[in-house]
Amino acid sequence: MDFSKTWKTAYFQGRTLRRATGLGLFDANFYDVETDEEFWLSGPKRDRSDTRYGPEGPTVEEGAAVAYREFLQGAALPGREDG
């Protein structure tokens, strides 16, 4: 996943997701600009409370799995020095 410099747009698996601030969406903070499908994007949390609802764990992209496991062990997120 990549973000624009302003963090108002996310790019994920060929989708362009725009921040939904002020749109009154009930359970989303981003939406797909082509399909209007709604998404909740959140950063990882070391206490593993990554999911929006329910006890199941987060969905982690295959390409991010190693970095996620390292983050849970105390490493900084890629591109960040403060972890």
PDB file of N, CA and C in Angstrom:
ATOM      1  N   MET A   1       0.852  -1.168   0.000  1.00  0.00           N
ATOM      2  CA  MET A   1       0.000   0.000   0.000  1.00  0.00           C
ATOM      3  C   MET A   1       0.894   1.224   0.000  1.00  0.00           C
ATOM      4  N   ASP A   2       0.508   2.194  -0.788  1.00  0.00           N
ATOM      5  CA  ASP A   2       1.209   3.470  -0.835  1.00  0.00           C
ATOM      6  C   ASP A   2       0.197   4.583  -0.592  1.00  0.00           C
ATOM      7  N   PHE A   3       0.693   5.690  -0.071  1.00  0.00           N
ATOM      8  CA  PHE A   3      -0.151   6.852   0.177  1.00  0.00           C
ATOM      9  C   PHE A   3       0.391   8.054  -0.575  1.00  0.00           C
ATOM     10  N   SER A   4      -0.493   8.983  -0.897  1.00  0.00           N
ATOM     11  CA  SER A   4      -0.054  10.245  -1.483  1.00  0.00           C
ATOM     12  C   SER A   4       0.685  11.037  -0.414  1.00  0.00           C
ATOM     13  N   LYS A   5       1.374  12.089  -0.827  1.00  0.00           N
ATOM     14  CA  LYS A   5       2.117  12.914   0.129  1.00  0.00           C
ATOM     15  C   LYS A   5       1.205  13.520   1.186  1.00  0.00           C
ATOM     16  N   THR A   6      -0.046  13.772   0.851  1.00  0.00           N
ATOM     17  CA  THR A   6      -0.993  14.382   1.797  1.00  0.00           C
ATOM     18  C   THR A   6      -1.736  13.344   2.640  1.00  0.00           C
ATOM     19  N   TRP A   7      -1.546  12.055   2.338  1.00  0.00           N
ATOM     20  CA  TRP A   7      -2.234  10.944   3.005  1.00  0.00           C
ATOM     21  C   TRP A   7      -3.740  10.965   2.745  1.00  0.00           C
ATOM     22  N   LYS A   8      -4.187  11.679   1.733  1.00  0.00           N
ATOM     23  CA  LYS A   8      -5.615  11.722   1.398  1.00  0.00           C
ATOM     24  C   LYS A   8      -6.001  10.637   0.407  1.00  0.00           C
ATOM     25  N   THR A   9      -5.002  10.009  -0.227  1.00  0.00           N
ATOM     26  CA  THR A   9      -5.250   8.969  -1.211  1.00  0.00           C
ATOM     27  C   THR A   9      -4.332   7.790  -0.923  1.00  0.00           C
ATOM     28  N   ALA A  10      -4.907   6.588  -0.974  1.00  0.00           N
ATOM     29  CA  ALA A  10      -4.137   5.354  -0.803  1.00  0.00           C
ATOM     30  C   ALA A  10      -4.229   4.557  -2.097  1.00  0.00           C
ATOM     31  N   TYR A  11      -3.160   3.858  -2.427  1.00  0.00           N
ATOM     32  CA  TYR A  11      -3.115   3.025  -3.627  1.00  0.00           C
ATOM     33  C   TYR A  11      -2.845   1.596  -3.177  1.00  0.00           C
ATOM     34  N   PHE A  12      -3.778   0.690  -3.512  1.00  0.00           N
ATOM     35  CA  PHE A  12      -3.682  -0.673  -3.019  1.00  0.00           C
ATOM     36  C   PHE A  12      -4.235  -1.637  -4.058  1.00  0.00           C
ATOM     37  N   GLN A  13      -3.420  -2.570  -4.499  1.00  0.00           N
ATOM     38  CA  GLN A  13      -3.805  -3.621  -5.445  1.00  0.00           C
ATOM     39  C   GLN A  13      -4.589  -3.063  -6.635  1.00  0.00           C
ATOM     40  N   GLY A  14      -4.068  -2.005  -7.236  1.00  0.00           N
ATOM     41  CA  GLY A  14      -4.683  -1.418  -8.420  1.00  0.00           C
ATOM     42  C   GLY A  14      -5.850  -0.491  -8.142  1.00  0.00           C
ATOM     43  N   ARG A  15      -6.191  -0.319  -6.894  1.00  0.00           N
ATOM     44  CA  ARG A  15      -7.300   0.569  -6.525  1.00  0.00           C
ATOM     45  C   ARG A  15      -6.773   1.922  -6.081  1.00  0.00           C
ATOM     46  N   THR A  16      -7.568   2.944  -6.308  1.00  0.00           N
ATOM     47  CA  THR A  16      -7.297   4.264  -5.769  1.00  0.00           C
ATOM     48  C   THR A  16      -8.355   4.534  -4.709  1.00  0.00           C
ATOM     49  N   LEU A  17      -7.906   4.651  -3.476  1.00  0.00           N
ATOM     50  CA  LEU A  17      -8.816   4.858  -2.343  1.00  0.00           C
ATOM     51  C   LEU A  17      -8.650   6.280  -1.843  1.00  0.00           C
ATOM     52  N   ARG A  18      -9.742   7.006  -1.738  1.00  0.00           N
ATOM     53  CA  ARG A  18      -9.716   8.386  -1.282  1.00  0.00           C
ATOM     54  C   ARG A  18     -10.234   8.466   0.139  1.00  0.00           C
ATOM     55  N   ARG A  19      -9.608   9.322   0.946  1.00  0.00           N
ATOM     56  CA  ARG A  19     -10.034   9.516   2.333  1.00  0.00           C
ATOM     57  C   ARG A  19     -11.475  10.024   2.344  1.00  0.00           C
ATOM     58  N   ALA A  20     -12.296   9.481   3.222  1.00  0.00           N
ATOM     59  CA  ALA A  20     -13.729   9.769   3.244  1.00  0.00           C
ATOM     60  C   ALA A  20     -14.114  10.811   4.292  1.00  0.00           C
ATOM     61  N   THR A  21     -13.182  11.616   4.719  1.00  0.00           N
ATOM     62  CA  THR A  21     -13.453  12.626   5.740  1.00  0.00           C
ATOM     63  C   THR A  21     -14.594  13.539   5.310  1.00  0.00           C
ATOM     64  N   GLY A  22     -15.563  13.705   6.199  1.00  0.00           N
ATOM     65  CA  GLY A  22     -16.671  14.619   5.947  1.00  0.00           C
ATOM     66  C   GLY A  22     -17.769  14.079   5.057  1.00  0.00           C
ATOM     67  N   LEU A  23     -17.681  12.828   4.633  1.00  0.00           N
ATOM     68  CA  LEU A  23     -18.708  12.268   3.757  1.00  0.00           C
ATOM     69  C   LEU A  23     -19.819  11.576   4.523  1.00  0.00           C
ATOM     70  N   GLY A  24     -19.664  11.431   5.822  1.00  0.00           N
ATOM     71  CA  GLY A  24     -20.703  10.807   6.628  1.00  0.00           C
ATOM     72  C   GLY A  24     -20.811   9.303   6.459  1.00  0.00           C
ATOM     73  N   LEU A  25     -19.750   8.658   6.036  1.00  0.00           N
ATOM     74  CA  LEU A  25     -19.786   7.202   5.917  1.00  0.00           C
ATOM     75  C   LEU A  25     -19.814   6.598   7.309  1.00  0.00           C
ATOM     76  N   PHE A  26     -20.661   5.605   7.498  1.00  0.00           N
ATOM     77  CA  PHE A  26     -20.854   5.013   8.818  1.00  0.00           C
ATOM     78  C   PHE A  26     -19.641   4.237   9.305  1.00  0.00           C
ATOM     79  N   ASP A  27     -19.086   3.399   8.442  1.00  0.00           N
ATOM     80  CA  ASP A  27     -18.067   2.468   8.910  1.00  0.00           C
ATOM     81  C   ASP A  27     -16.877   2.396   7.957  1.00  0.00           C
ATOM     82  N   ALA A  28     -16.460   3.542   7.429  1.00  0.00           N
ATOM     83  CA  ALA A  28     -15.336   3.559   6.504  1.00  0.00           C
ATOM     84  C   ALA A  28     -14.584   4.870   6.644  1.00  0.00           C
ATOM     85  N   ASN A  29     -13.290   4.809   6.395  1.00  0.00           N
ATOM     86  CA  ASN A  29     -12.519   6.043   6.375  1.00  0.00           C
ATOM     87  C   ASN A  29     -11.882   6.275   5.003  1.00  0.00           C
ATOM     88  N   PHE A  30     -12.072   5.330   4.072  1.00  0.00           N
ATOM     89  CA  PHE A  30     -11.641   5.474   2.681  1.00  0.00           C
ATOM     90  C   PHE A  30     -12.703   4.849   1.781  1.00  0.00           C
ATOM     91  N   TYR A  31     -12.751   5.287   0.525  1.00  0.00           N
ATOM     92  CA  TYR A  31     -13.635   4.674  -0.455  1.00  0.00           C
ATOM     93  C   TYR A  31     -12.901   4.568  -1.787  1.00  0.00           C
ATOM     94  N   ASP A  32     -13.277   3.561  -2.583  1.00  0.00           N
ATOM     95  CA  ASP A  32     -12.701   3.350  -3.901  1.00  0.00           C
ATOM     96  C   ASP A  32     -13.298   4.382  -4.849  1.00  0.00           C
ATOM     97  N   VAL A  33     -12.456   5.158  -5.537  1.00  0.00           N
ATOM     98  CA  VAL A  33     -12.949   6.239  -6.394  1.00  0.00           C
ATOM     99  C   VAL A  33     -13.691   5.723  -7.617  1.00  0.00           C
ATOM    100  N   GLU A  34     -13.457   4.469  -8.027  1.00  0.00           N
ATOM    101  CA  GLU A  34     -14.150   3.919  -9.196  1.00  0.00           C
ATOM    102  C   GLU A  34     -15.437   3.207  -8.826  1.00  0.00           C
ATOM    103  N   THR A  35     -15.456   2.493  -7.707  1.00  0.00           N
ATOM    104  CA  THR A  35     -16.608   1.652  -7.376  1.00  0.00           C
ATOM    105  C   THR A  35     -17.431   2.172  -6.195  1.00  0.00           C
ATOM    106  N   ASP A  36     -16.925   3.157  -5.477  1.00  0.00           N
ATOM    107  CA  ASP A  36     -17.527   3.663  -4.237  1.00  0.00           C
ATOM    108  C   ASP A  36     -17.555   2.636  -3.108  1.00  0.00           C
ATOM    109  N   GLU A  37     -16.860   1.503  -3.277  1.00  0.00           N
ATOM    110  CA  GLU A  37     -16.759   0.512  -2.208  1.00  0.00           C
ATOM    111  C   GLU A  37     -16.033   1.156  -1.028  1.00  0.00           C
ATOM    112  N   GLU A  38     -16.497   0.873   0.180  1.00  0.00           N
ATOM    113  CA  GLU A  38     -15.955   1.510   1.375  1.00  0.00           C
ATOM    114  C   GLU A  38     -14.952   0.603   2.079  1.00  0.00           C
ATOM    115  N   PHE A  39     -13.918   1.233   2.675  1.00  0.00           N
ATOM    116  CA  PHE A  39     -12.864   0.499   3.362  1.00  0.00           C
ATOM    117  C   PHE A  39     -12.521   1.180   4.673  1.00  0.00           C
ATOM    118  N   TRP A  40     -12.053   0.376   5.628  1.00  0.00           N
ATOM    119  CA  TRP A  40     -11.484   0.896   6.863  1.00  0.00           C
ATOM    120  C   TRP A  40     -10.006   0.562   6.838  1.00  0.00           C
ATOM    121  N   LEU A  41      -9.153   1.592   6.790  1.00  0.00           N
ATOM    122  CA  LEU A  41      -7.704   1.395   6.803  1.00  0.00           C
ATOM    123  C   LEU A  41      -7.164   1.830   8.147  1.00  0.00           C
ATOM    124  N   SER A  42      -6.294   1.007   8.691  1.00  0.00           N
ATOM    125  CA  SER A  42      -5.710   1.308   9.986  1.00  0.00           C
ATOM    126  C   SER A  42      -4.293   0.759  10.017  1.00  0.00           C
ATOM    127  N   GLY A  43      -3.430   1.428  10.720  1.00  0.00           N
ATOM    128  CA  GLY A  43      -2.066   0.943  10.873  1.00  0.00           C
ATOM    129  C   GLY A  43      -1.997  -0.198  11.870  1.00  0.00           C
ATOM    130  N   PRO A  44      -0.887  -0.935  11.869  1.00  0.00           N
ATOM    131  CA  PRO A  44      -0.737  -2.059  12.789  1.00  0.00           C
ATOM    132  C   PRO A  44      -0.556  -1.579  14.228  1.00  0.00           C
ATOM    133  N   LYS A  45      -0.957  -2.431  15.154  1.00  0.00           N
ATOM    134  CA  LYS A  45      -0.824  -2.116  16.578  1.00  0.00           C
ATOM    135  C   LYS A  45      -0.129  -3.288  17.258  1.00  0.00           C
ATOM    136  N   ARG A  46       0.844  -2.982  18.083  1.00  0.00           N
ATOM    137  CA  ARG A  46       1.595  -4.059  18.738  1.00  0.00           C
ATOM    138  C   ARG A  46       0.744  -4.873  19.709  1.00  0.00           C
ATOM    139  N   ASP A  47      -0.346  -4.292  20.214  1.00  0.00           N
ATOM    140  CA  ASP A  47      -1.211  -5.055  21.119  1.00  0.00           C
ATOM    141  C   ASP A  47      -2.171  -5.965  20.346  1.00  0.00           C
ATOM    142  N   ARG A  48      -1.988  -5.989  19.023  1.00  0.00           N
ATOM    143  CA  ARG A  48      -2.752  -6.848  18.107  1.00  0.00           C
ATOM    144  C   ARG A  48      -4.234  -6.511  18.040  1.00  0.00           C
ATOM    145  N   SER A  49      -4.600  -5.295  18.389  1.00  0.00           N
ATOM    146  CA  SER A  49      -5.989  -4.852  18.267  1.00  0.00           C
ATOM    147  C   SER A  49      -6.180  -4.182  16.905  1.00  0.00           C
ATOM    148  N   ASP A  50      -5.685  -4.837  15.873  1.00  0.00           N
ATOM    149  CA  ASP A  50      -5.673  -4.281  14.521  1.00  0.00           C
ATOM    150  C   ASP A  50      -7.039  -4.250  13.850  1.00  0.00           C
ATOM    151  N   THR A  51      -7.943  -5.130  14.224  1.00  0.00           N
ATOM    152  CA  THR A  51      -9.211  -5.239  13.511  1.00  0.00           C
ATOM    153  C   THR A  51     -10.207  -4.198  13.992  1.00  0.00           C
ATOM    154  N   ARG A  52     -11.132  -3.879  13.130  1.00  0.00           N
ATOM    155  CA  ARG A  52     -12.167  -2.885  13.454  1.00  0.00           C
ATOM    156  C   ARG A  52     -13.178  -3.475  14.437  1.00  0.00           C
ATOM    157  N   TYR A  53     -13.638  -4.678  14.160  1.00  0.00           N
ATOM    158  CA  TYR A  53     -14.623  -5.354  15.018  1.00  0.00           C
ATOM    159  C   TYR A  53     -14.263  -6.826  15.127  1.00  0.00           C
ATOM    160  N   GLY A  54     -14.679  -7.454  16.183  1.00  0.00           N
ATOM    161  CA  GLY A  54     -14.539  -8.890  16.308  1.00  0.00           C
ATOM    162  C   GLY A  54     -13.178  -9.355  16.780  1.00  0.00           C
ATOM    163  N   PRO A  55     -13.097 -10.611  17.155  1.00  0.00           N
ATOM    164  CA  PRO A  55     -11.877 -11.167  17.731  1.00  0.00           C
ATOM    165  C   PRO A  55     -10.866 -11.681  16.709  1.00  0.00           C
ATOM    166  N   GLU A  56     -11.250 -11.781  15.424  1.00  0.00           N
ATOM    167  CA  GLU A  56     -10.323 -12.332  14.442  1.00  0.00           C
ATOM    168  C   GLU A  56      -9.146 -11.393  14.228  1.00  0.00           C
ATOM    169  N   GLY A  57      -8.056 -11.957  13.753  1.00  0.00           N
ATOM    170  CA  GLY A  57      -6.864 -11.162  13.503  1.00  0.00           C
ATOM    171  C   GLY A  57      -6.983 -10.356  12.222  1.00  0.00           C
ATOM    172  N   PRO A  58      -6.007  -9.505  11.967  1.00  0.00           N
ATOM    173  CA  PRO A  58      -6.042  -8.664  10.772  1.00  0.00           C
ATOM    174  C   PRO A  58      -5.718  -9.463   9.515  1.00  0.00           C
ATOM    175  N   THR A  59      -6.093  -8.921   8.372  1.00  0.00           N
ATOM    176  CA  THR A  59      -5.658  -9.452   7.096  1.00  0.00           C
ATOM    177  C   THR A  59      -4.366  -8.741   6.745  1.00  0.00           C
ATOM    178  N   VAL A  60      -3.300  -9.500   6.571  1.00  0.00           N
ATOM    179  CA  VAL A  60      -1.994  -8.927   6.282  1.00  0.00           C
ATOM    180  C   VAL A  60      -1.572  -9.380   4.887  1.00  0.00           C
ATOM    181  N   GLU A  61      -1.216  -8.423   4.027  1.00  0.00           N
ATOM    182  CA  GLU A  61      -0.742  -8.752   2.686  1.00  0.00           C
ATOM    183  C   GLU A  61       0.463  -9.667   2.776  1.00  0.00           C
ATOM    184  N   GLU A  62       0.566 -10.585   1.835  1.00  0.00           N
ATOM    185  CA  GLU A  62       1.695 -11.514   1.814  1.00  0.00           C
ATOM    186  C   GLU A  62       3.026 -10.757   1.783  1.00  0.00           C
ATOM    187  N   GLY A  63       3.094  -9.682   1.014  1.00  0.00           N
ATOM    188  CA  GLY A  63       4.319  -8.918   0.905  1.00  0.00           C
ATOM    189  C   GLY A  63       4.678  -8.129   2.151  1.00  0.00           C
ATOM    190  N   ALA A  64       3.745  -7.995   3.077  1.00  0.00           N
ATOM    191  CA  ALA A  64       3.987  -7.239   4.306  1.00  0.00           C
ATOM    192  C   ALA A  64       4.099  -8.134   5.532  1.00  0.00           C
ATOM    193  N   ALA A  65       3.925  -9.436   5.362  1.00  0.00           N
ATOM    194  CA  ALA A  65       3.865 -10.352   6.506  1.00  0.00           C
ATOM    195  C   ALA A  65       5.146 -10.355   7.333  1.00  0.00           C
ATOM    196  N   VAL A  66       6.297 -10.359   6.673  1.00  0.00           N
ATOM    197  CA  VAL A  66       7.566 -10.382   7.402  1.00  0.00           C
ATOM    198  C   VAL A  66       7.727  -9.089   8.203  1.00  0.00           C
ATOM    199  N   ALA A  67       7.469  -7.945   7.568  1.00  0.00           N
ATOM    200  CA  ALA A  67       7.596  -6.661   8.260  1.00  0.00           C
ATOM    201  C   ALA A  67       6.606  -6.577   9.422  1.00  0.00           C
ATOM    202  N   TYR A  68       5.404  -7.130   9.243  1.00  0.00           N
ATOM    203  CA  TYR A  68       4.400  -7.119  10.321  1.00  0.00           C
ATOM    204  C   TYR A  68       4.885  -7.945  11.507  1.00  0.00           C
ATOM    205  N   ARG A  69       5.398  -9.137  11.238  1.00  0.00           N
ATOM    206  CA  ARG A  69       5.896  -9.977  12.334  1.00  0.00           C
ATOM    207  C   ARG A  69       7.061  -9.296  13.049  1.00  0.00           C
ATOM    208  N   GLU A  70       7.956  -8.663  12.295  1.00  0.00           N
ATOM    209  CA  GLU A  70       9.077  -7.941  12.904  1.00  0.00           C
ATOM    210  C   GLU A  70       8.584  -6.761  13.736  1.00  0.00           C
ATOM    211  N   PHE A  71       7.553  -6.063  13.248  1.00  0.00           N
ATOM    212  CA  PHE A  71       6.958  -4.955  13.992  1.00  0.00           C
ATOM    213  C   PHE A  71       6.407  -5.450  15.336  1.00  0.00           C
ATOM    214  N   LEU A  72       5.721  -6.601  15.320  1.00  0.00           N
ATOM    215  CA  LEU A  72       5.176  -7.154  16.563  1.00  0.00           C
ATOM    216  C   LEU A  72       6.272  -7.492  17.562  1.00  0.00           C
ATOM    217  N   GLN A  73       7.484  -7.758  17.053  1.00  0.00           N
ATOM    218  CA  GLN A  73       8.619  -8.068  17.917  1.00  0.00           C
ATOM    219  C   GLN A  73       9.392  -6.821  18.345  1.00  0.00           C
ATOM    220  N   GLY A  74       8.922  -5.624  17.911  1.00  0.00           N
ATOM    221  CA  GLY A  74       9.543  -4.382  18.365  1.00  0.00           C
ATOM    222  C   GLY A  74      10.259  -3.562  17.316  1.00  0.00           C
ATOM    223  N   ALA A  75      10.381  -4.075  16.092  1.00  0.00           N
ATOM    224  CA  ALA A  75      11.058  -3.325  15.030  1.00  0.00           C
ATOM    225  C   ALA A  75      10.199  -2.142  14.584  1.00  0.00           C
ATOM    226  N   ALA A  76      10.853  -1.131  14.032  1.00  0.00           N
ATOM    227  CA  ALA A  76      10.133   0.021  13.472  1.00  0.00           C
ATOM    228  C   ALA A  76       9.433  -0.420  12.185  1.00  0.00           C
ATOM    229  N   LEU A  77       8.361   0.264  11.851  1.00  0.00           N
ATOM    230  CA  LEU A  77       7.711   0.031  10.569  1.00  0.00           C
ATOM    231  C   LEU A  77       8.653   0.482   9.458  1.00  0.00           C
ATOM    232  N   PRO A  78       8.598  -0.180   8.300  1.00  0.00           N
ATOM    233  CA  PRO A  78       9.447   0.262   7.193  1.00  0.00           C
ATOM    234  C   PRO A  78       9.200   1.741   6.880  1.00  0.00           C
ATOM    235  N   GLY A  79      10.285   2.480   6.729  1.00  0.00           N
ATOM    236  CA  GLY A  79      10.169   3.900   6.421  1.00  0.00           C
ATOM    237  C   GLY A  79       9.983   4.785   7.635  1.00  0.00           C
ATOM    238  N   ARG A  80       9.961   4.194   8.824  1.00  0.00           N
ATOM    239  CA  ARG A  80       9.781   4.975  10.052  1.00  0.00           C
ATOM    240  C   ARG A  80      10.902   4.642  11.013  1.00  0.00           C
ATOM    241  N   GLU A  81      11.364   5.625  11.693  1.00  0.00           N
ATOM    242  CA  GLU A  81      12.434   5.416  12.679  1.00  0.00           C
ATOM    243  C   GLU A  81      11.902   5.230  14.091  1.00  0.00           C
ATOM    244  N   ASP A  82      10.676   5.711  14.347  1.00  0.00           N
ATOM    245  CA  ASP A  82      10.143   5.724  15.715  1.00  0.00           C
ATOM    246  C   ASP A  82       9.329   4.493  16.061  1.00  0.00           C
ATOM    247  N   GLY A  83       9.115   3.593  15.107  1.00  0.00           N
ATOM    248  CA  GLY A  83       8.383   2.368  15.360  1.00  0.00           C
ATOM    249  C   GLY A  83       6.955   2.614  15.660  1.00  0.00           C
TER     250      GLY A  83
END
